[in-house]
Amino acid sequence: MHDLVWTEQAAQTYNQLRDQANAARKKRRSGSSGRKKSTKAEGLFKQVAKCADLLSTNPRHPGLQTHPYSSIPHPYDKNQKTFEAYVQQHTPGAYRLFWCYGPGKNQITIIAITPHP
């Protein structure tokens, strides 16, 4: 099990997605939207949260499709690798979670959560 450390940018994105999902859920449950099914915002946040949870339990989980990513430098050690994990697949603008090991033992730093470029 790894402890998750969040960069300011990643934490801000995560909180923003969470707030959007909560607002959509509240609006949907109040009946003003006429929707019964979850919204896109709710689904996206659920996927991001699941990805982060899987990452903390098993960074090599097959569903994450984790692989090295060279365009983002490692924030703690330039000689170490950063990685990309799939939040979504087969979706236009699918979200990705970028991460690295560190700064301490059994820690994973979430660097960014972004739509696929």
PDB file of N, CA and C in Angstrom:
ATOM      1  N   MET A   1       0.844  -1.182   0.000  1.00  0.00           N
ATOM      2  CA  MET A   1       0.000   0.000   0.000  1.00  0.00           C
ATOM      3  C   MET A   1       0.885   1.240   0.000  1.00  0.00           C
ATOM      4  N   HIS A   2       0.561   2.187  -0.844  1.00  0.00           N
ATOM      5  CA  HIS A   2       1.320   3.433  -0.945  1.00  0.00           C
ATOM      6  C   HIS A   2       0.477   4.600  -0.433  1.00  0.00           C
ATOM      7  N   ASP A   3       1.142   5.546   0.196  1.00  0.00           N
ATOM      8  CA  ASP A   3       0.480   6.786   0.583  1.00  0.00           C
ATOM      9  C   ASP A   3       0.525   7.725  -0.609  1.00  0.00           C
ATOM     10  N   LEU A   4      -0.588   8.429  -0.862  1.00  0.00           N
ATOM     11  CA  LEU A   4      -0.628   9.366  -1.973  1.00  0.00           C
ATOM     12  C   LEU A   4      -0.247  10.762  -1.510  1.00  0.00           C
ATOM     13  N   VAL A   5       0.632  11.391  -2.268  1.00  0.00           N
ATOM     14  CA  VAL A   5       1.032  12.776  -2.059  1.00  0.00           C
ATOM     15  C   VAL A   5       0.563  13.515  -3.296  1.00  0.00           C
ATOM     16  N   TRP A   6      -0.033  14.673  -3.124  1.00  0.00           N
ATOM     17  CA  TRP A   6      -0.595  15.415  -4.248  1.00  0.00           C
ATOM     18  C   TRP A   6       0.169  16.720  -4.466  1.00  0.00           C
ATOM     19  N   THR A   7       0.502  17.002  -5.721  1.00  0.00           N
ATOM     20  CA  THR A   7       1.035  18.328  -6.014  1.00  0.00           C
ATOM     21  C   THR A   7      -0.127  19.307  -5.898  1.00  0.00           C
ATOM     22  N   GLU A   8       0.186  20.568  -5.788  1.00  0.00           N
ATOM     23  CA  GLU A   8      -0.863  21.588  -5.667  1.00  0.00           C
ATOM     24  C   GLU A   8      -1.794  21.550  -6.881  1.00  0.00           C
ATOM     25  N   GLN A   9      -1.221  21.411  -8.062  1.00  0.00           N
ATOM     26  CA  GLN A   9      -2.016  21.378  -9.292  1.00  0.00           C
ATOM     27  C   GLN A   9      -2.952  20.166  -9.313  1.00  0.00           C
ATOM     28  N   ALA A  10      -2.438  18.994  -8.960  1.00  0.00           N
ATOM     29  CA  ALA A  10      -3.253  17.773  -8.967  1.00  0.00           C
ATOM     30  C   ALA A  10      -4.361  17.856  -7.922  1.00  0.00           C
ATOM     31  N   ALA A  11      -4.052  18.356  -6.739  1.00  0.00           N
ATOM     32  CA  ALA A  11      -5.054  18.486  -5.688  1.00  0.00           C
ATOM     33  C   ALA A  11      -6.148  19.467  -6.098  1.00  0.00           C
ATOM     34  N   GLN A  12      -5.752  20.546  -6.750  1.00  0.00           N
ATOM     35  CA  GLN A  12      -6.716  21.543  -7.205  1.00  0.00           C
ATOM     36  C   GLN A  12      -7.651  20.934  -8.259  1.00  0.00           C
ATOM     37  N   THR A  13      -7.109  20.188  -9.201  1.00  0.00           N
ATOM     38  CA  THR A  13      -7.929  19.538 -10.226  1.00  0.00           C
ATOM     39  C   THR A  13      -8.862  18.513  -9.597  1.00  0.00           C
ATOM     40  N   TYR A  14      -8.341  17.694  -8.683  1.00  0.00           N
ATOM     41  CA  TYR A  14      -9.148  16.678  -8.006  1.00  0.00           C
ATOM     42  C   TYR A  14     -10.310  17.330  -7.245  1.00  0.00           C
ATOM     43  N   ASN A  15     -10.015  18.389  -6.508  1.00  0.00           N
ATOM     44  CA  ASN A  15     -11.057  19.085  -5.739  1.00  0.00           C
ATOM     45  C   ASN A  15     -12.092  19.728  -6.654  1.00  0.00           C
ATOM     46  N   GLN A  16     -11.645  20.266  -7.775  1.00  0.00           N
ATOM     47  CA  GLN A  16     -12.558  20.886  -8.731  1.00  0.00           C
ATOM     48  C   GLN A  16     -13.494  19.826  -9.329  1.00  0.00           C
ATOM     49  N   LEU A  17     -12.951  18.681  -9.716  1.00  0.00           N
ATOM     50  CA  LEU A  17     -13.772  17.602 -10.253  1.00  0.00           C
ATOM     51  C   LEU A  17     -14.763  17.093  -9.203  1.00  0.00           C
ATOM     52  N   ARG A  18     -14.302  16.987  -7.962  1.00  0.00           N
ATOM     53  CA  ARG A  18     -15.177  16.543  -6.873  1.00  0.00           C
ATOM     54  C   ARG A  18     -16.316  17.534  -6.642  1.00  0.00           C
ATOM     55  N   ASP A  19     -15.993  18.827  -6.634  1.00  0.00           N
ATOM     56  CA  ASP A  19     -17.020  19.852  -6.424  1.00  0.00           C
ATOM     57  C   ASP A  19     -18.046  19.858  -7.559  1.00  0.00           C
ATOM     58  N   GLN A  20     -17.586  19.692  -8.797  1.00  0.00           N
ATOM     59  CA  GLN A  20     -18.506  19.638  -9.933  1.00  0.00           C
ATOM     60  C   GLN A  20     -19.423  18.421  -9.831  1.00  0.00           C
ATOM     61  N   ALA A  21     -18.863  17.290  -9.430  1.00  0.00           N
ATOM     62  CA  ALA A  21     -19.668  16.075  -9.278  1.00  0.00           C
ATOM     63  C   ALA A  21     -20.695  16.235  -8.165  1.00  0.00           C
ATOM     64  N   ASN A  22     -20.288  16.830  -7.052  1.00  0.00           N
ATOM     65  CA  ASN A  22     -21.221  17.035  -5.938  1.00  0.00           C
ATOM     66  C   ASN A  22     -22.346  17.988  -6.316  1.00  0.00           C
ATOM     67  N   ALA A  23     -22.015  19.053  -7.049  1.00  0.00           N
ATOM     68  CA  ALA A  23     -23.035  20.010  -7.489  1.00  0.00           C
ATOM     69  C   ALA A  23     -24.017  19.341  -8.449  1.00  0.00           C
ATOM     70  N   ALA A  24     -23.496  18.536  -9.364  1.00  0.00           N
ATOM     71  CA  ALA A  24     -24.357  17.831 -10.316  1.00  0.00           C
ATOM     72  C   ALA A  24     -25.255  16.829  -9.599  1.00  0.00           C
ATOM     73  N   ARG A  25     -24.692  16.118  -8.623  1.00  0.00           N
ATOM     74  CA  ARG A  25     -25.470  15.143  -7.851  1.00  0.00           C
ATOM     75  C   ARG A  25     -26.579  15.841  -7.070  1.00  0.00           C
ATOM     76  N   LYS A  26     -26.238  16.964  -6.456  1.00  0.00           N
ATOM     77  CA  LYS A  26     -27.224  17.704  -5.670  1.00  0.00           C
ATOM     78  C   LYS A  26     -28.362  18.197  -6.562  1.00  0.00           C
ATOM     79  N   LYS A  27     -28.019  18.722  -7.727  1.00  0.00           N
ATOM     80  CA  LYS A  27     -29.028  19.221  -8.670  1.00  0.00           C
ATOM     81  C   LYS A  27     -29.897  18.069  -9.171  1.00  0.00           C
ATOM     82  N   ARG A  28     -29.280  16.940  -9.468  1.00  0.00           N
ATOM     83  CA  ARG A  28     -30.014  15.775  -9.963  1.00  0.00           C
ATOM     84  C   ARG A  28     -30.959  15.233  -8.895  1.00  0.00           C
ATOM     85  N   ARG A  29     -30.506  15.179  -7.672  1.00  0.00           N
ATOM     86  CA  ARG A  29     -31.333  14.636  -6.586  1.00  0.00           C
ATOM     87  C   ARG A  29     -32.462  15.576  -6.177  1.00  0.00           C
ATOM     88  N   SER A  30     -32.271  16.867  -6.422  1.00  0.00           N
ATOM     89  CA  SER A  30     -33.338  17.818  -6.087  1.00  0.00           C
ATOM     90  C   SER A  30     -34.484  17.720  -7.079  1.00  0.00           C
ATOM     91  N   GLY A  31     -34.226  17.064  -8.220  1.00  0.00           N
ATOM     92  CA  GLY A  31     -35.279  16.898  -9.216  1.00  0.00           C
ATOM     93  C   GLY A  31     -35.368  18.017 -10.221  1.00  0.00           C
ATOM     94  N   SER A  32     -34.542  19.053 -10.079  1.00  0.00           N
ATOM     95  CA  SER A  32     -34.637  20.198 -10.992  1.00  0.00           C
ATOM     96  C   SER A  32     -34.048  19.912 -12.368  1.00  0.00           C
ATOM     97  N   SER A  33     -33.213  18.888 -12.472  1.00  0.00           N
ATOM     98  CA  SER A  33     -32.604  18.593 -13.770  1.00  0.00           C
ATOM     99  C   SER A  33     -33.420  17.577 -14.564  1.00  0.00           C
ATOM    100  N   GLY A  34     -34.268  16.820 -13.894  1.00  0.00           N
ATOM    101  CA  GLY A  34     -35.057  15.799 -14.568  1.00  0.00           C
ATOM    102  C   GLY A  34     -34.272  14.525 -14.867  1.00  0.00           C
ATOM    103  N   ARG A  35     -33.032  14.436 -14.436  1.00  0.00           N
ATOM    104  CA  ARG A  35     -32.184  13.265 -14.691  1.00  0.00           C
ATOM    105  C   ARG A  35     -32.292  12.273 -13.533  1.00  0.00           C
ATOM    106  N   LYS A  36     -32.220  11.006 -13.893  1.00  0.00           N
ATOM    107  CA  LYS A  36     -32.166   9.972 -12.871  1.00  0.00           C
ATOM    108  C   LYS A  36     -30.804   9.312 -12.856  1.00  0.00           C
ATOM    109  N   LYS A  37     -30.152   9.292 -14.012  1.00  0.00           N
ATOM    110  CA  LYS A  37     -28.828   8.675 -14.115  1.00  0.00           C
ATOM    111  C   LYS A  37     -27.744   9.688 -13.743  1.00  0.00           C
ATOM    112  N   SER A  38     -26.580   9.176 -13.391  1.00  0.00           N
ATOM    113  CA  SER A  38     -25.440  10.023 -13.041  1.00  0.00           C
ATOM    114  C   SER A  38     -25.033  10.887 -14.228  1.00  0.00           C
ATOM    115  N   THR A  39     -24.523  12.068 -13.925  1.00  0.00           N
ATOM    116  CA  THR A  39     -24.064  12.983 -14.963  1.00  0.00           C
ATOM    117  C   THR A  39     -22.628  12.649 -15.358  1.00  0.00           C
ATOM    118  N   LYS A  40     -22.145  13.287 -16.417  1.00  0.00           N
ATOM    119  CA  LYS A  40     -20.766  13.089 -16.853  1.00  0.00           C
ATOM    120  C   LYS A  40     -19.786  13.511 -15.762  1.00  0.00           C
ATOM    121  N   ALA A  41     -20.095  14.614 -15.069  1.00  0.00           N
ATOM    122  CA  ALA A  41     -19.210  15.093 -14.005  1.00  0.00           C
ATOM    123  C   ALA A  41     -19.108  14.070 -12.879  1.00  0.00           C
ATOM    124  N   GLU A  42     -20.238  13.463 -12.532  1.00  0.00           N
ATOM    125  CA  GLU A  42     -20.229  12.438 -11.480  1.00  0.00           C
ATOM    126  C   GLU A  42     -19.426  11.217 -11.914  1.00  0.00           C
ATOM    127  N   GLY A  43     -19.616  10.793 -13.153  1.00  0.00           N
ATOM    128  CA  GLY A  43     -18.898   9.635 -13.676  1.00  0.00           C
ATOM    129  C   GLY A  43     -17.406   9.871 -13.758  1.00  0.00           C
ATOM    130  N   LEU A  44     -17.012  11.064 -14.216  1.00  0.00           N
ATOM    131  CA  LEU A  44     -15.593  11.381 -14.332  1.00  0.00           C
ATOM    132  C   LEU A  44     -14.923  11.379 -12.963  1.00  0.00           C
ATOM    133  N   PHE A  45     -15.548  11.996 -11.983  1.00  0.00           N
ATOM    134  CA  PHE A  45     -14.936  12.027 -10.654  1.00  0.00           C
ATOM    135  C   PHE A  45     -14.821  10.616 -10.079  1.00  0.00           C
ATOM    136  N   LYS A  46     -15.841   9.793 -10.292  1.00  0.00           N
ATOM    137  CA  LYS A  46     -15.801   8.416  -9.802  1.00  0.00           C
ATOM    138  C   LYS A  46     -14.621   7.669 -10.433  1.00  0.00           C
ATOM    139  N   GLN A  47     -14.382   7.898 -11.724  1.00  0.00           N
ATOM    140  CA  GLN A  47     -13.277   7.240 -12.415  1.00  0.00           C
ATOM    141  C   GLN A  47     -11.922   7.741 -11.898  1.00  0.00           C
ATOM    142  N   VAL A  48     -11.801   9.038 -11.667  1.00  0.00           N
ATOM    143  CA  VAL A  48     -10.545   9.601 -11.155  1.00  0.00           C
ATOM    144  C   VAL A  48     -10.270   9.064  -9.752  1.00  0.00           C
ATOM    145  N   ALA A  49     -11.280   9.031  -8.910  1.00  0.00           N
ATOM    146  CA  ALA A  49     -11.112   8.524  -7.540  1.00  0.00           C
ATOM    147  C   ALA A  49     -10.726   7.044  -7.553  1.00  0.00           C
ATOM    148  N   LYS A  50     -11.336   6.265  -8.434  1.00  0.00           N
ATOM    149  CA  LYS A  50     -11.006   4.845  -8.531  1.00  0.00           C
ATOM    150  C   LYS A  50      -9.575   4.654  -9.007  1.00  0.00           C
ATOM    151  N   CYS A  51      -9.151   5.462  -9.981  1.00  0.00           N
ATOM    152  CA  CYS A  51      -7.781   5.381 -10.498  1.00  0.00           C
ATOM    153  C   CYS A  51      -6.781   5.670  -9.376  1.00  0.00           C
ATOM    154  N   ALA A  52      -7.025   6.709  -8.598  1.00  0.00           N
ATOM    155  CA  ALA A  52      -6.128   7.058  -7.493  1.00  0.00           C
ATOM    156  C   ALA A  52      -6.106   5.943  -6.447  1.00  0.00           C
ATOM    157  N   ASP A  53      -7.258   5.346  -6.181  1.00  0.00           N
ATOM    158  CA  ASP A  53      -7.334   4.254  -5.211  1.00  0.00           C
ATOM    159  C   ASP A  53      -6.553   3.029  -5.696  1.00  0.00           C
ATOM    160  N   LEU A  54      -6.746   2.665  -6.968  1.00  0.00           N
ATOM    161  CA  LEU A  54      -6.004   1.540  -7.525  1.00  0.00           C
ATOM    162  C   LEU A  54      -4.503   1.809  -7.498  1.00  0.00           C
ATOM    163  N   LEU A  55      -4.134   3.033  -7.790  1.00  0.00           N
ATOM    164  CA  LEU A  55      -2.725   3.415  -7.802  1.00  0.00           C
ATOM    165  C   LEU A  55      -2.106   3.243  -6.421  1.00  0.00           C
ATOM    166  N   SER A  56      -2.832   3.625  -5.392  1.00  0.00           N
ATOM    167  CA  SER A  56      -2.280   3.498  -4.037  1.00  0.00           C
ATOM    168  C   SER A  56      -2.168   2.035  -3.610  1.00  0.00           C
ATOM    169  N   THR A  57      -3.068   1.185  -4.109  1.00  0.00           N
ATOM    170  CA  THR A  57      -3.023  -0.227  -3.742  1.00  0.00           C
ATOM    171  C   THR A  57      -2.062  -1.027  -4.601  1.00  0.00           C
ATOM    172  N   ASN A  58      -2.085  -0.774  -5.918  1.00  0.00           N
ATOM    173  CA  ASN A  58      -1.250  -1.548  -6.825  1.00  0.00           C
ATOM    174  C   ASN A  58      -0.938  -0.723  -8.074  1.00  0.00           C
ATOM    175  N   PRO A  59       0.190  -0.034  -8.109  1.00  0.00           N
ATOM    176  CA  PRO A  59       0.524   0.806  -9.263  1.00  0.00           C
ATOM    177  C   PRO A  59       0.641   0.023 -10.571  1.00  0.00           C
ATOM    178  N   ARG A  60       0.769  -1.283 -10.477  1.00  0.00           N
ATOM    179  CA  ARG A  60       0.892  -2.113 -11.684  1.00  0.00           C
ATOM    180  C   ARG A  60      -0.422  -2.790 -12.061  1.00  0.00           C
ATOM    181  N   HIS A  61      -1.524  -2.340 -11.500  1.00  0.00           N
ATOM    182  CA  HIS A  61      -2.827  -2.925 -11.816  1.00  0.00           C
ATOM    183  C   HIS A  61      -3.060  -2.833 -13.324  1.00  0.00           C
ATOM    184  N   PRO A  62      -3.480  -3.940 -13.963  1.00  0.00           N
ATOM    185  CA  PRO A  62      -3.629  -3.943 -15.418  1.00  0.00           C
ATOM    186  C   PRO A  62      -4.622  -2.906 -15.949  1.00  0.00           C
ATOM    187  N   GLY A  63      -5.642  -2.578 -15.188  1.00  0.00           N
ATOM    188  CA  GLY A  63      -6.636  -1.604 -15.634  1.00  0.00           C
ATOM    189  C   GLY A  63      -6.089  -0.198 -15.757  1.00  0.00           C
ATOM    190  N   LEU A  64      -5.002   0.092 -15.060  1.00  0.00           N
ATOM    191  CA  LEU A  64      -4.408   1.430 -15.120  1.00  0.00           C
ATOM    192  C   LEU A  64      -3.585   1.630 -16.396  1.00  0.00           C
ATOM    193  N   GLN A  65      -3.131   0.551 -16.975  1.00  0.00           N
ATOM    194  CA  GLN A  65      -2.257   0.597 -18.148  1.00  0.00           C
ATOM    195  C   GLN A  65      -1.100   1.582 -17.931  1.00  0.00           C
ATOM    196  N   THR A  66      -0.496   1.485 -16.788  1.00  0.00           N
ATOM    197  CA  THR A  66       0.596   2.374 -16.406  1.00  0.00           C
ATOM    198  C   THR A  66       1.808   2.164 -17.300  1.00  0.00           C
ATOM    199  N   HIS A  67       2.384   3.279 -17.747  1.00  0.00           N
ATOM    200  CA  HIS A  67       3.621   3.225 -18.530  1.00  0.00           C
ATOM    201  C   HIS A  67       4.406   4.519 -18.330  1.00  0.00           C
ATOM    202  N   PRO A  68       5.719   4.468 -18.553  1.00  0.00           N
ATOM    203  CA  PRO A  68       6.546   5.668 -18.378  1.00  0.00           C
ATOM    204  C   PRO A  68       6.100   6.785 -19.315  1.00  0.00           C
ATOM    205  N   TYR A  69       6.273   8.007 -18.845  1.00  0.00           N
ATOM    206  CA  TYR A  69       5.886   9.185 -19.621  1.00  0.00           C
ATOM    207  C   TYR A  69       7.032  10.184 -19.512  1.00  0.00           C
ATOM    208  N   SER A  70       7.644  10.531 -20.628  1.00  0.00           N
ATOM    209  CA  SER A  70       8.873  11.319 -20.579  1.00  0.00           C
ATOM    210  C   SER A  70       8.680  12.833 -20.674  1.00  0.00           C
ATOM    211  N   SER A  71       7.486  13.311 -21.021  1.00  0.00           N
ATOM    212  CA  SER A  71       7.302  14.754 -21.217  1.00  0.00           C
ATOM    213  C   SER A  71       7.173  15.544 -19.917  1.00  0.00           C
ATOM    214  N   ILE A  72       6.925  14.861 -18.825  1.00  0.00           N
ATOM    215  CA  ILE A  72       6.824  15.533 -17.524  1.00  0.00           C
ATOM    216  C   ILE A  72       7.999  15.072 -16.674  1.00  0.00           C
ATOM    217  N   PRO A  73       8.835  15.998 -16.211  1.00  0.00           N
ATOM    218  CA  PRO A  73       9.990  15.591 -15.401  1.00  0.00           C
ATOM    219  C   PRO A  73       9.574  15.135 -14.002  1.00  0.00           C
ATOM    220  N   HIS A  74      10.370  14.254 -13.454  1.00  0.00           N
ATOM    221  CA  HIS A  74      10.169  13.789 -12.078  1.00  0.00           C
ATOM    222  C   HIS A  74      10.424  14.982 -11.157  1.00  0.00           C
ATOM    223  N   PRO A  75       9.499  15.299 -10.251  1.00  0.00           N
ATOM    224  CA  PRO A  75       9.672  16.499  -9.418  1.00  0.00           C
ATOM    225  C   PRO A  75      10.757  16.401  -8.347  1.00  0.00           C
ATOM    226  N   TYR A  76      11.205  15.189  -8.000  1.00  0.00           N
ATOM    227  CA  TYR A  76      12.162  15.037  -6.921  1.00  0.00           C
ATOM    228  C   TYR A  76      13.545  14.599  -7.387  1.00  0.00           C
ATOM    229  N   ASP A  77      13.604  13.834  -8.464  1.00  0.00           N
ATOM    230  CA  ASP A  77      14.872  13.281  -8.930  1.00  0.00           C
ATOM    231  C   ASP A  77      14.828  13.171 -10.457  1.00  0.00           C
ATOM    232  N   LYS A  78      15.616  13.991 -11.124  1.00  0.00           N
ATOM    233  CA  LYS A  78      15.601  14.033 -12.590  1.00  0.00           C
ATOM    234  C   LYS A  78      15.966  12.690 -13.238  1.00  0.00           C
ATOM    235  N   ASN A  79      16.635  11.804 -12.493  1.00  0.00           N
ATOM    236  CA  ASN A  79      17.041  10.508 -13.029  1.00  0.00           C
ATOM    237  C   ASN A  79      15.954   9.437 -12.899  1.00  0.00           C
ATOM    238  N   GLN A  80      14.875   9.742 -12.205  1.00  0.00           N
ATOM    239  CA  GLN A  80      13.790   8.783 -12.022  1.00  0.00           C
ATOM    240  C   GLN A  80      12.693   9.012 -13.070  1.00  0.00           C
ATOM    241  N   LYS A  81      11.842   8.015 -13.243  1.00  0.00           N
ATOM    242  CA  LYS A  81      10.778   8.074 -14.247  1.00  0.00           C
ATOM    243  C   LYS A  81       9.488   8.635 -13.673  1.00  0.00           C
ATOM    244  N   THR A  82       8.715   9.282 -14.542  1.00  0.00           N
ATOM    245  CA  THR A  82       7.330   9.611 -14.239  1.00  0.00           C
ATOM    246  C   THR A  82       6.467   8.659 -15.063  1.00  0.00           C
ATOM    247  N   PHE A  83       5.224   8.482 -14.638  1.00  0.00           N
ATOM    248  CA  PHE A  83       4.349   7.505 -15.264  1.00  0.00           C
ATOM    249  C   PHE A  83       2.995   8.117 -15.593  1.00  0.00           C
ATOM    250  N   GLU A  84       2.338   7.488 -16.545  1.00  0.00           N
ATOM    251  CA  GLU A  84       0.983   7.863 -16.943  1.00  0.00           C
ATOM    252  C   GLU A  84       0.079   6.681 -16.648  1.00  0.00           C
ATOM    253  N   ALA A  85      -1.070   6.944 -16.040  1.00  0.00           N
ATOM    254  CA  ALA A  85      -2.075   5.908 -15.795  1.00  0.00           C
ATOM    255  C   ALA A  85      -3.369   6.359 -16.453  1.00  0.00           C
ATOM    256  N   TYR A  86      -4.099   5.411 -16.996  1.00  0.00           N
ATOM    257  CA  TYR A  86      -5.353   5.713 -17.689  1.00  0.00           C
ATOM    258  C   TYR A  86      -6.495   5.829 -16.684  1.00  0.00           C
ATOM    259  N   VAL A  87      -7.171   6.974 -16.698  1.00  0.00           N
ATOM    260  CA  VAL A  87      -8.399   7.142 -15.929  1.00  0.00           C
ATOM    261  C   VAL A  87      -9.561   6.650 -16.783  1.00  0.00           C
ATOM    262  N   GLN A  88      -9.521   6.988 -18.067  1.00  0.00           N
ATOM    263  CA  GLN A  88     -10.551   6.583 -19.022  1.00  0.00           C
ATOM    264  C   GLN A  88      -9.885   5.996 -20.258  1.00  0.00           C
ATOM    265  N   GLN A  89     -10.649   5.186 -20.980  1.00  0.00           N
ATOM    266  CA  GLN A  89     -10.166   4.621 -22.234  1.00  0.00           C
ATOM    267  C   GLN A  89     -11.281   4.745 -23.266  1.00  0.00           C
ATOM    268  N   HIS A  90     -10.897   4.791 -24.528  1.00  0.00           N
ATOM    269  CA  HIS A  90     -11.864   4.820 -25.631  1.00  0.00           C
ATOM    270  C   HIS A  90     -12.871   5.960 -25.480  1.00  0.00           C
ATOM    271  N   THR A  91     -12.405   7.090 -25.013  1.00  0.00           N
ATOM    272  CA  THR A  91     -13.238   8.265 -24.813  1.00  0.00           C
ATOM    273  C   THR A  91     -12.519   9.460 -25.409  1.00  0.00           C
ATOM    274  N   PRO A  92     -13.188  10.285 -26.209  1.00  0.00           N
ATOM    275  CA  PRO A  92     -12.516  11.488 -26.709  1.00  0.00           C
ATOM    276  C   PRO A  92     -12.082  12.374 -25.539  1.00  0.00           C
ATOM    277  N   GLY A  93     -10.830  12.801 -25.545  1.00  0.00           N
ATOM    278  CA  GLY A  93     -10.311  13.620 -24.448  1.00  0.00           C
ATOM    279  C   GLY A  93     -10.215  12.847 -23.145  1.00  0.00           C
ATOM    280  N   ALA A  94      -9.940  11.547 -23.236  1.00  0.00           N
ATOM    281  CA  ALA A  94      -9.881  10.687 -22.054  1.00  0.00           C
ATOM    282  C   ALA A  94      -8.885  11.237 -21.034  1.00  0.00           C
ATOM    283  N   TYR A  95      -9.254  11.159 -19.777  1.00  0.00           N
ATOM    284  CA  TYR A  95      -8.398  11.684 -18.706  1.00  0.00           C
ATOM    285  C   TYR A  95      -7.251  10.734 -18.393  1.00  0.00           C
ATOM    286  N   ARG A  96      -6.133  11.339 -18.006  1.00  0.00           N
ATOM    287  CA  ARG A  96      -4.933  10.614 -17.606  1.00  0.00           C
ATOM    288  C   ARG A  96      -4.461  11.164 -16.265  1.00  0.00           C
ATOM    289  N   LEU A  97      -3.817  10.308 -15.502  1.00  0.00           N
ATOM    290  CA  LEU A  97      -3.252  10.691 -14.214  1.00  0.00           C
ATOM    291  C   LEU A  97      -1.742  10.474 -14.310  1.00  0.00           C
ATOM    292  N   PHE A  98      -0.963  11.510 -14.044  1.00  0.00           N
ATOM    293  CA  PHE A  98       0.495  11.429 -14.119  1.00  0.00           C
ATOM    294  C   PHE A  98       1.042  11.362 -12.701  1.00  0.00           C
ATOM    295  N   TRP A  99       1.998  10.453 -12.497  1.00  0.00           N
ATOM    296  CA  TRP A  99       2.475  10.208 -11.139  1.00  0.00           C
ATOM    297  C   TRP A  99       3.928   9.745 -11.150  1.00  0.00           C
ATOM    298  N   CYS A 100       4.505   9.699  -9.945  1.00  0.00           N
ATOM    299  CA  CYS A 100       5.867   9.205  -9.781  1.00  0.00           C
ATOM    300  C   CYS A 100       6.005   8.617  -8.379  1.00  0.00           C
ATOM    301  N   TYR A 101       7.051   7.856  -8.185  1.00  0.00           N
ATOM    302  CA  TYR A 101       7.359   7.342  -6.854  1.00  0.00           C
ATOM    303  C   TYR A 101       8.067   8.423  -6.061  1.00  0.00           C
ATOM    304  N   GLY A 102       7.746   8.521  -4.773  1.00  0.00           N
ATOM    305  CA  GLY A 102       8.447   9.457  -3.907  1.00  0.00           C
ATOM    306  C   GLY A 102       7.515  10.507  -3.349  1.00  0.00           C
ATOM    307  N   PRO A 103       7.976  11.396  -2.509  1.00  0.00           N
ATOM    308  CA  PRO A 103       9.353  11.645  -2.145  1.00  0.00           C
ATOM    309  C   PRO A 103       9.910  10.643  -1.145  1.00  0.00           C
ATOM    310  N   GLY A 104       9.040   9.996  -0.382  1.00  0.00           N
ATOM    311  CA  GLY A 104       9.530   9.047   0.611  1.00  0.00           C
ATOM    312  C   GLY A 104       9.241   7.615   0.210  1.00  0.00           C
ATOM    313  N   LYS A 105       9.674   6.709   1.053  1.00  0.00           N
ATOM    314  CA  LYS A 105       9.429   5.296   0.811  1.00  0.00           C
ATOM    315  C   LYS A 105       7.927   5.019   0.926  1.00  0.00           C
ATOM    316  N   ASN A 106       7.418   4.170   0.058  1.00  0.00           N
ATOM    317  CA  ASN A 106       5.996   3.825   0.014  1.00  0.00           C
ATOM    318  C   ASN A 106       5.091   5.026  -0.226  1.00  0.00           C
ATOM    319  N   GLN A 107       5.591   5.994  -0.964  1.00  0.00           N
ATOM    320  CA  GLN A 107       4.779   7.149  -1.325  1.00  0.00           C
ATOM    321  C   GLN A 107       4.722   7.275  -2.844  1.00  0.00           C
ATOM    322  N   ILE A 108       3.568   7.697  -3.329  1.00  0.00           N
ATOM    323  CA  ILE A 108       3.368   8.001  -4.741  1.00  0.00           C
ATOM    324  C   ILE A 108       2.867   9.432  -4.814  1.00  0.00           C
ATOM    325  N   THR A 109       3.493  10.220  -5.681  1.00  0.00           N
ATOM    326  CA  THR A 109       3.072  11.608  -5.871  1.00  0.00           C
ATOM    327  C   THR A 109       2.227  11.694  -7.136  1.00  0.00           C
ATOM    328  N   ILE A 110       1.019  12.210  -6.986  1.00  0.00           N
ATOM    329  CA  ILE A 110       0.162  12.485  -8.138  1.00  0.00           C
ATOM    330  C   ILE A 110       0.572  13.864  -8.634  1.00  0.00           C
ATOM    331  N   ILE A 111       1.098  13.916  -9.853  1.00  0.00           N
ATOM    332  CA  ILE A 111       1.627  15.167 -10.411  1.00  0.00           C
ATOM    333  C   ILE A 111       0.543  15.973 -11.088  1.00  0.00           C
ATOM    334  N   ALA A 112      -0.301  15.313 -11.885  1.00  0.00           N
ATOM    335  CA  ALA A 112      -1.347  16.029 -12.627  1.00  0.00           C
ATOM    336  C   ALA A 112      -2.461  15.072 -13.027  1.00  0.00           C
ATOM    337  N   ILE A 113      -3.659  15.637 -13.205  1.00  0.00           N
ATOM    338  CA  ILE A 113      -4.814  14.933 -13.733  1.00  0.00           C
ATOM    339  C   ILE A 113      -5.304  15.782 -14.892  1.00  0.00           C
ATOM    340  N   THR A 114      -5.190  15.254 -16.104  1.00  0.00           N
ATOM    341  CA  THR A 114      -5.518  16.062 -17.283  1.00  0.00           C
ATOM    342  C   THR A 114      -6.219  15.217 -18.350  1.00  0.00           C
ATOM    343  N   PRO A 115      -6.960  15.895 -19.237  1.00  0.00           N
ATOM    344  CA  PRO A 115      -7.468  15.184 -20.412  1.00  0.00           C
ATOM    345  C   PRO A 115      -6.301  14.845 -21.322  1.00  0.00           C
ATOM    346  N   HIS A 116      -6.419  13.760 -22.043  1.00  0.00           N
ATOM    347  CA  HIS A 116      -5.343  13.330 -22.948  1.00  0.00           C
ATOM    348  C   HIS A 116      -5.093  14.408 -23.987  1.00  0.00           C
ATOM    349  N   PRO A 117      -3.826  14.772 -24.170  1.00  0.00           N
ATOM    350  CA  PRO A 117      -3.509  15.837 -25.123  1.00  0.00           C
ATOM    351  C   PRO A 117      -3.842  15.478 -26.557  1.00  0.00           C
TER     352      PRO A 117
END
